[in-house]
Amino acid sequence: MLTTSSMRILLVDDETELTDPLSRVLSREGYSVDAAYEGTSGSQLAQASSYDLLILDWMLPGKTGLEICQELRRQGKTTPVLFLTAKDTLDDRVAGLDAGADDYLVKPFELRELLARVRALLRRSGVETYNTPTGRLVVADLELDVDNQVAYRQERVIELSQKESQLLQYFMEHSGQLLTHGQIMQHLWPDDEQPSSNVIAALIRLLRRKIEVAGESQLIHTVYGKGYRFGTAVGEGM
């Protein structure tokens, strides 16, 4: 299993005002980042080295990101490719995907969305991490950024309220364990006057709507008469 520091990313974009700060952010996330500012040198790096992910601008001097991706796919290379581009029409997206791209992000974009897509592409390609940055928790395909009250799942960015984030953190830190209503109540309101038990049910219902959309596996399981268990494993009362 690889660590984030073992994972190599190639970033090719001619906008230095984007490339340089983005390289620093990715490095702070623990990735090893190489950068190129035009297509020919970017293509040479992609051919000469083994990367876990390529982040390519579509329009580049020398050789376009589209051409770089097409060359790699013709050679049978399956390295995930994320396009960054100002092109946002349906035809453009189809052309990028047909060229072999794995994902597509239109400029301007939110940094946290790009980071979520990077993690999703690395997971999808079979690259797993176990040393997530401080303040992050991962259970199955769900990741929680505790400090920023944001979760990520299936490339979705999930904004959370303070209580939702606290509840999700508690669940993830005790994944697979049965947590009673009383334990949850005490954790969320340790010093305050505790609300009625209906508040817990309502909060969990809101959290489920955010982290479990159609097509995604259930993570919060009700153990009737006892409480809740978090995770993907099937157990008593789930």
Protein backbone atom coordinates (compact mmCIF):
# COMPACT_ATOMS: atom_id res chain seq x y z
CA MET A 1 0.00 0.00 0.00
CA LEU A 2 1.46 3.36 -1.02
CA THR A 3 1.70 6.45 1.14
CA THR A 4 0.88 9.92 -0.17
CA SER A 5 4.60 10.76 -0.17
CA SER A 6 5.13 7.80 -2.54
CA MET A 7 2.55 9.10 -5.02
CA ARG A 8 3.79 11.12 -7.95
CA ILE A 9 1.73 13.71 -9.80
CA LEU A 10 2.64 15.51 -13.01
CA LEU A 11 1.04 18.94 -13.42
CA VAL A 12 1.22 20.53 -16.88
CA ASP A 13 -0.24 24.04 -17.26
CA ASP A 14 1.15 27.17 -18.90
CA GLU A 15 -0.51 29.51 -16.37
CA THR A 16 2.27 29.94 -13.81
CA GLU A 17 -0.08 31.85 -11.50
CA LEU A 18 -2.05 28.60 -11.22
CA THR A 19 0.66 25.97 -11.62
CA ASP A 20 3.08 27.22 -8.95
CA PRO A 21 0.60 27.64 -6.06
CA LEU A 22 -1.19 24.42 -7.02
CA SER A 23 2.11 22.54 -6.97
CA ARG A 24 2.77 23.87 -3.47
CA VAL A 25 -0.69 22.86 -2.26
CA LEU A 26 -0.34 19.33 -3.64
CA SER A 27 3.11 19.05 -2.06
CA ARG A 28 1.68 20.13 1.30
CA GLU A 29 -0.93 17.37 0.89
CA GLY A 30 1.96 14.91 0.80
CA TYR A 31 2.28 14.25 -2.94
CA SER A 32 5.50 14.36 -4.95
CA VAL A 33 4.83 16.89 -7.73
CA ASP A 34 6.61 17.63 -10.99
CA ALA A 35 5.48 20.62 -13.05
CA ALA A 36 5.82 21.60 -16.68
CA TYR A 37 4.66 24.79 -18.36
CA GLU A 38 4.24 23.69 -21.97
CA GLY A 39 3.11 20.56 -23.76
CA THR A 40 6.32 19.25 -25.29
CA SER A 41 8.27 19.07 -22.03
CA GLY A 42 5.14 17.83 -20.25
CA SER A 43 4.82 15.01 -22.77
CA GLN A 44 8.50 14.11 -22.35
CA LEU A 45 8.11 13.91 -18.57
CA ALA A 46 4.98 11.78 -18.90
CA GLN A 47 6.81 9.41 -21.24
CA ALA A 48 10.04 9.20 -19.25
CA SER A 49 8.70 8.79 -15.72
CA SER A 50 6.08 6.75 -13.94
CA TYR A 51 3.32 8.90 -12.43
CA ASP A 52 0.22 7.97 -10.43
CA LEU A 53 -1.78 10.89 -11.85
CA LEU A 54 -1.48 13.47 -14.63
CA ILE A 55 -3.18 16.87 -14.30
CA LEU A 56 -3.18 18.45 -17.76
CA ASP A 57 -4.35 21.79 -19.07
CA TRP A 58 -6.21 21.31 -22.34
CA MET A 59 -4.69 24.22 -24.28
CA LEU A 60 -0.90 24.22 -24.06
CA PRO A 61 1.87 25.65 -26.25
CA GLY A 62 3.88 23.04 -28.13
CA LYS A 63 1.48 20.16 -27.61
CA THR A 64 -2.02 20.20 -26.17
CA GLY A 65 -3.11 18.23 -23.13
CA LEU A 66 -5.52 16.41 -25.41
CA GLU A 67 -2.63 15.27 -27.63
CA ILE A 68 -0.57 14.18 -24.61
CA CYS A 69 -3.47 12.09 -23.33
CA GLN A 70 -4.14 10.54 -26.74
CA GLU A 71 -0.48 9.56 -27.15
CA LEU A 72 -0.38 7.86 -23.76
CA ARG A 73 -3.57 5.92 -24.42
CA ARG A 74 -2.31 4.77 -27.84
CA GLN A 75 0.75 3.39 -26.05
CA GLY A 76 -1.48 1.45 -23.67
CA LYS A 77 -0.64 3.58 -20.62
CA THR A 78 -3.52 3.78 -18.16
CA THR A 79 -2.26 6.54 -15.82
CA PRO A 80 -5.31 8.53 -14.66
CA VAL A 81 -5.68 11.92 -16.38
CA LEU A 82 -7.51 14.94 -14.99
CA PHE A 83 -8.11 17.79 -17.46
CA LEU A 84 -8.13 21.40 -16.29
CA THR A 85 -9.71 23.63 -18.90
CA ALA A 86 -11.81 26.68 -19.62
CA LYS A 87 -13.68 24.64 -22.26
CA ASP A 88 -17.06 23.85 -20.77
CA THR A 89 -19.37 22.78 -23.59
CA LEU A 90 -20.78 19.26 -23.79
CA ASP A 91 -18.83 18.63 -27.02
CA ASP A 92 -15.59 19.63 -25.27
CA ARG A 93 -16.26 17.29 -22.35
CA VAL A 94 -17.07 14.44 -24.72
CA ALA A 95 -13.89 15.10 -26.73
CA GLY A 96 -11.79 15.02 -23.55
CA LEU A 97 -13.32 11.80 -22.31
CA ASP A 98 -13.07 10.20 -25.74
CA ALA A 99 -9.37 11.08 -25.76
CA GLY A 100 -8.96 8.94 -22.66
CA ALA A 101 -9.30 11.46 -19.82
CA ASP A 102 -10.67 10.12 -16.54
CA ASP A 103 -12.07 13.40 -15.20
CA TYR A 104 -12.63 16.98 -16.21
CA LEU A 105 -12.58 20.18 -14.14
CA VAL A 106 -13.61 23.53 -15.60
CA LYS A 107 -11.67 26.67 -14.67
CA PRO A 108 -12.10 28.49 -12.38
CA PHE A 109 -12.56 25.76 -9.78
CA GLU A 110 -12.57 25.39 -6.01
CA LEU A 111 -9.29 24.03 -4.67
CA ARG A 112 -10.99 21.58 -2.33
CA GLU A 113 -12.95 20.12 -5.25
CA LEU A 114 -9.74 19.54 -7.20
CA LEU A 115 -8.16 17.83 -4.18
CA ALA A 116 -11.24 15.66 -3.78
CA ARG A 117 -11.05 14.62 -7.44
CA VAL A 118 -7.34 13.86 -7.12
CA ARG A 119 -8.03 11.56 -4.18
CA ALA A 120 -10.95 9.92 -5.98
CA LEU A 121 -8.88 9.22 -9.11
CA LEU A 122 -6.03 7.75 -7.06
CA ARG A 123 -8.47 5.52 -5.17
CA ARG A 124 -10.16 4.46 -8.40
CA SER A 125 -6.82 3.51 -9.93
CA GLY A 126 -6.03 1.27 -6.98
CA VAL A 127 -3.61 3.61 -5.23
CA GLU A 128 -4.52 3.54 -1.54
CA THR A 129 -3.24 5.76 1.24
CA TYR A 130 -3.02 5.17 4.93
CA ASN A 131 -1.25 8.33 6.09
CA THR A 132 -3.98 10.88 5.44
CA PRO A 133 -3.09 14.47 6.39
CA THR A 134 -3.66 15.59 9.96
CA GLY A 135 -7.31 16.35 10.65
CA ARG A 136 -8.65 13.87 8.08
CA LEU A 137 -10.52 10.63 8.63
CA VAL A 138 -11.29 7.96 6.02
CA VAL A 139 -13.81 5.11 6.22
CA ALA A 140 -14.59 3.18 3.03
CA ASP A 141 -14.94 5.80 0.26
CA LEU A 142 -15.86 8.64 2.62
CA GLU A 143 -13.30 11.18 3.77
CA LEU A 144 -13.85 13.87 6.40
CA ASP A 145 -11.78 17.04 6.63
CA VAL A 146 -12.39 17.72 10.32
CA ASP A 147 -10.83 21.18 10.42
CA ASN A 148 -12.91 22.53 7.54
CA GLN A 149 -16.19 20.65 8.24
CA VAL A 150 -16.19 19.19 4.72
CA ALA A 151 -16.61 15.58 3.61
CA TYR A 152 -15.80 13.98 0.26
CA ARG A 153 -17.45 10.96 -1.34
CA GLN A 154 -17.56 9.72 -4.94
CA GLU A 155 -16.05 13.04 -6.11
CA ARG A 156 -18.77 14.95 -4.23
CA VAL A 157 -17.91 17.82 -1.91
CA ILE A 158 -20.26 17.68 1.10
CA GLU A 159 -20.67 20.79 3.24
CA LEU A 160 -21.51 20.00 6.87
CA SER A 161 -22.89 21.96 9.79
CA GLN A 162 -20.88 21.98 13.00
CA LYS A 163 -23.05 19.31 14.66
CA GLU A 164 -23.14 17.17 11.51
CA SER A 165 -19.34 17.31 11.33
CA GLN A 166 -19.00 16.45 15.02
CA LEU A 167 -21.40 13.52 14.66
CA LEU A 168 -19.69 12.19 11.54
CA GLN A 169 -16.27 12.48 13.19
CA TYR A 170 -17.55 10.54 16.21
CA PHE A 171 -18.98 7.84 13.95
CA MET A 172 -15.79 7.54 11.89
CA GLU A 173 -13.54 7.41 14.94
CA HIS A 174 -15.65 4.50 16.24
CA SER A 175 -16.30 2.73 12.94
CA GLY A 176 -17.85 -0.71 13.42
CA GLN A 177 -18.81 -0.03 17.03
CA LEU A 178 -22.34 0.18 18.40
CA LEU A 179 -22.95 3.71 19.67
CA THR A 180 -25.98 4.22 21.87
CA HIS A 181 -28.25 7.25 21.82
CA GLY A 182 -26.88 8.21 25.23
CA GLN A 183 -23.26 8.04 24.07
CA ILE A 184 -24.00 10.19 21.03
CA MET A 185 -25.95 12.69 23.11
CA GLN A 186 -23.17 12.96 25.69
CA HIS A 187 -20.55 13.46 22.98
CA LEU A 188 -22.44 16.19 21.12
CA TRP A 189 -23.74 18.05 24.18
CA PRO A 190 -21.29 17.23 27.00
CA ASP A 191 -21.81 20.40 29.05
CA ASP A 192 -25.09 21.76 27.72
CA GLU A 193 -28.64 20.90 28.59
CA GLN A 194 -29.28 17.90 26.38
CA PRO A 195 -32.13 18.08 23.86
CA SER A 196 -34.78 15.43 23.36
CA SER A 197 -33.82 12.11 21.77
CA ASN A 198 -35.72 13.16 18.65
CA VAL A 199 -32.95 15.65 17.90
CA ILE A 200 -30.45 12.80 17.43
CA ALA A 201 -32.77 11.02 14.98
CA ALA A 202 -33.31 14.26 13.04
CA LEU A 203 -29.58 15.03 12.91
CA ILE A 204 -28.75 11.53 11.68
CA ARG A 205 -31.48 11.79 9.06
CA LEU A 206 -29.94 15.05 7.77
CA LEU A 207 -26.45 13.52 7.75
CA ARG A 208 -27.64 10.46 5.85
CA ARG A 209 -29.16 12.65 3.14
CA LYS A 210 -25.78 14.28 2.62
CA ILE A 211 -23.41 11.32 2.74
CA GLU A 212 -25.63 8.57 1.29
CA VAL A 213 -27.11 9.52 -2.07
CA ALA A 214 -28.60 7.13 -4.63
CA GLY A 215 -26.13 4.50 -5.77
CA GLU A 216 -23.84 4.82 -2.77
CA SER A 217 -23.52 2.15 -0.09
CA GLN A 218 -25.12 2.74 3.29
CA LEU A 219 -22.74 3.80 6.04
CA ILE A 220 -25.00 4.71 8.97
CA HIS A 221 -26.87 1.63 10.17
CA THR A 222 -29.66 1.69 12.73
CA VAL A 223 -29.46 -0.99 15.42
CA TYR A 224 -33.08 -0.89 16.51
CA GLY A 225 -33.66 -0.21 20.17
CA LYS A 226 -29.94 0.29 20.79
CA GLY A 227 -28.34 2.95 18.64
CA TYR A 228 -26.24 3.15 15.49
CA ARG A 229 -23.23 1.51 13.89
CA PHE A 230 -21.08 3.20 11.23
CA GLY A 231 -19.29 1.47 8.38
CA THR A 232 -19.88 -0.91 5.47
CA ALA A 233 -19.94 -4.23 7.37
CA VAL A 234 -23.29 -5.86 7.92
CA GLY A 235 -24.07 -6.70 11.51
CA GLU A 236 -26.83 -7.23 14.02
CA GLY A 237 -29.90 -5.15 13.38
CA MET A 238 -28.56 -3.43 10.26
